[in-house]
Amino acid sequence: MSRAITNDSAAVAGRGDERGRPLLLEHNICGKLFDPVKLFDPVMVCSECGEPLHAKQVHVHAGPGRDQAVG
């Protein structure tokens, strides 16, 4: 079974305020920071290269708004 990026996990990464997003997503296939784009349910693709996203191909970095999500 494939572990795809879901709408819920994409929503967490996309939240932020004036300090920025709490999480930044890097696509290991293209090496770029990206925003997940819903192609069709349940497929999400990379905003930079258009490839389908799978959890093992995504690296999560702490973003500039990280502290807002923690405390």
C-alpha atoms as a PDB file:
ATOM      1  CA  MET A   1       0.000   0.000   0.000  1.00  0.00           C
ATOM      2  CA  SER A   2       1.344   3.433  -0.940  1.00  0.00           C
ATOM      3  CA  ARG A   3       1.529   6.173   1.669  1.00  0.00           C
ATOM      4  CA  ALA A   4       0.360   9.273  -0.140  1.00  0.00           C
ATOM      5  CA  ILE A   5       0.351  12.841   1.105  1.00  0.00           C
ATOM      6  CA  THR A   6      -3.208  13.630   2.205  1.00  0.00           C
ATOM      7  CA  ASN A   7      -5.241  16.825   2.343  1.00  0.00           C
ATOM      8  CA  ASP A   8      -4.859  16.817   6.152  1.00  0.00           C
ATOM      9  CA  SER A   9      -1.060  16.669   6.103  1.00  0.00           C
ATOM     10  CA  ALA A  10      -0.939  19.295   3.366  1.00  0.00           C
ATOM     11  CA  ALA A  11      -3.177  21.601   5.410  1.00  0.00           C
ATOM     12  CA  VAL A  12      -0.831  21.446   8.403  1.00  0.00           C
ATOM     13  CA  ALA A  13       2.143  22.397   6.233  1.00  0.00           C
ATOM     14  CA  GLY A  14       0.221  25.260   4.639  1.00  0.00           C
ATOM     15  CA  ARG A  15      -0.835  26.993   7.853  1.00  0.00           C
ATOM     16  CA  GLY A  16       1.026  30.039   9.006  1.00  0.00           C
ATOM     17  CA  ASP A  17       0.852  33.664   9.972  1.00  0.00           C
ATOM     18  CA  GLU A  18       3.127  36.683   9.551  1.00  0.00           C
ATOM     19  CA  ARG A  19       6.056  34.609  10.877  1.00  0.00           C
ATOM     20  CA  GLY A  20       5.631  32.055   8.100  1.00  0.00           C
ATOM     21  CA  ARG A  21       4.725  28.408   7.807  1.00  0.00           C
ATOM     22  CA  PRO A  22       5.466  26.009  10.655  1.00  0.00           C
ATOM     23  CA  LEU A  23       6.576  23.300   8.215  1.00  0.00           C
ATOM     24  CA  LEU A  24       8.339  23.387   4.853  1.00  0.00           C
ATOM     25  CA  LEU A  25       8.068  20.414   2.519  1.00  0.00           C
ATOM     26  CA  GLU A  26      10.939  19.329   0.253  1.00  0.00           C
ATOM     27  CA  HIS A  27      10.272  16.873  -2.560  1.00  0.00           C
ATOM     28  CA  ASN A  28      13.178  14.419  -2.701  1.00  0.00           C
ATOM     29  CA  ILE A  29      12.550  13.711  -6.393  1.00  0.00           C
ATOM     30  CA  CYS A  30      13.043  17.282  -7.679  1.00  0.00           C
ATOM     31  CA  GLY A  31      14.858  18.681  -4.625  1.00  0.00           C
ATOM     32  CA  LYS A  32      12.643  21.753  -4.335  1.00  0.00           C
ATOM     33  CA  LEU A  33      10.437  23.154  -1.587  1.00  0.00           C
ATOM     34  CA  PHE A  34       6.850  22.703  -2.719  1.00  0.00           C
ATOM     35  CA  ASP A  35       3.179  23.108  -1.939  1.00  0.00           C
ATOM     36  CA  PRO A  36       1.044  19.994  -2.360  1.00  0.00           C
ATOM     37  CA  VAL A  37      -1.530  20.372  -5.141  1.00  0.00           C
ATOM     38  CA  LYS A  38      -4.632  18.182  -5.232  1.00  0.00           C
ATOM     39  CA  LEU A  39      -4.813  16.648  -8.699  1.00  0.00           C
ATOM     40  CA  PHE A  40      -7.826  14.457  -7.932  1.00  0.00           C
ATOM     41  CA  ASP A  41      -8.934  12.603  -4.823  1.00  0.00           C
ATOM     42  CA  PRO A  42      -6.741  11.202  -3.271  1.00  0.00           C
ATOM     43  CA  VAL A  43      -3.750  12.120  -5.496  1.00  0.00           C
ATOM     44  CA  MET A  44      -1.593  15.117  -4.506  1.00  0.00           C
ATOM     45  CA  VAL A  45       1.254  16.307  -6.739  1.00  0.00           C
ATOM     46  CA  CYS A  46       4.333  18.485  -6.273  1.00  0.00           C
ATOM     47  CA  SER A  47       3.725  22.134  -7.216  1.00  0.00           C
ATOM     48  CA  GLU A  48       7.225  22.337  -8.724  1.00  0.00           C
ATOM     49  CA  CYS A  49       7.581  19.194 -10.868  1.00  0.00           C
ATOM     50  CA  GLY A  50       4.024  17.813 -11.053  1.00  0.00           C
ATOM     51  CA  GLU A  51       4.972  14.305  -9.884  1.00  0.00           C
ATOM     52  CA  PRO A  52       2.613  12.432  -7.543  1.00  0.00           C
ATOM     53  CA  LEU A  53       3.612  12.731  -3.883  1.00  0.00           C
ATOM     54  CA  HIS A  54       4.382   9.809  -1.605  1.00  0.00           C
ATOM     55  CA  ALA A  55       5.344  10.178   2.052  1.00  0.00           C
ATOM     56  CA  LYS A  56       8.744   8.497   1.599  1.00  0.00           C
ATOM     57  CA  GLN A  57       9.658  11.095  -1.052  1.00  0.00           C
ATOM     58  CA  VAL A  58       8.996  14.127   1.162  1.00  0.00           C
ATOM     59  CA  HIS A  59      11.343  15.649   3.731  1.00  0.00           C
ATOM     60  CA  VAL A  60       9.781  17.951   6.320  1.00  0.00           C
ATOM     61  CA  HIS A  61      11.798  20.949   7.569  1.00  0.00           C
ATOM     62  CA  ALA A  62      10.970  23.265  10.444  1.00  0.00           C
ATOM     63  CA  GLY A  63       9.734  26.526   8.953  1.00  0.00           C
ATOM     64  CA  PRO A  64      10.036  30.087  10.209  1.00  0.00           C
ATOM     65  CA  GLY A  65       6.620  29.836  11.911  1.00  0.00           C
ATOM     66  CA  ARG A  66       7.512  26.632  13.755  1.00  0.00           C
ATOM     67  CA  ASP A  67       7.263  28.150  17.251  1.00  0.00           C
ATOM     68  CA  GLN A  68       3.605  29.108  16.722  1.00  0.00           C
ATOM     69  CA  ALA A  69       2.714  25.449  16.133  1.00  0.00           C
ATOM     70  CA  VAL A  70       4.630  24.175  19.155  1.00  0.00           C
ATOM     71  CA  GLY A  71       3.589  26.582  21.831  1.00  0.00           C
END
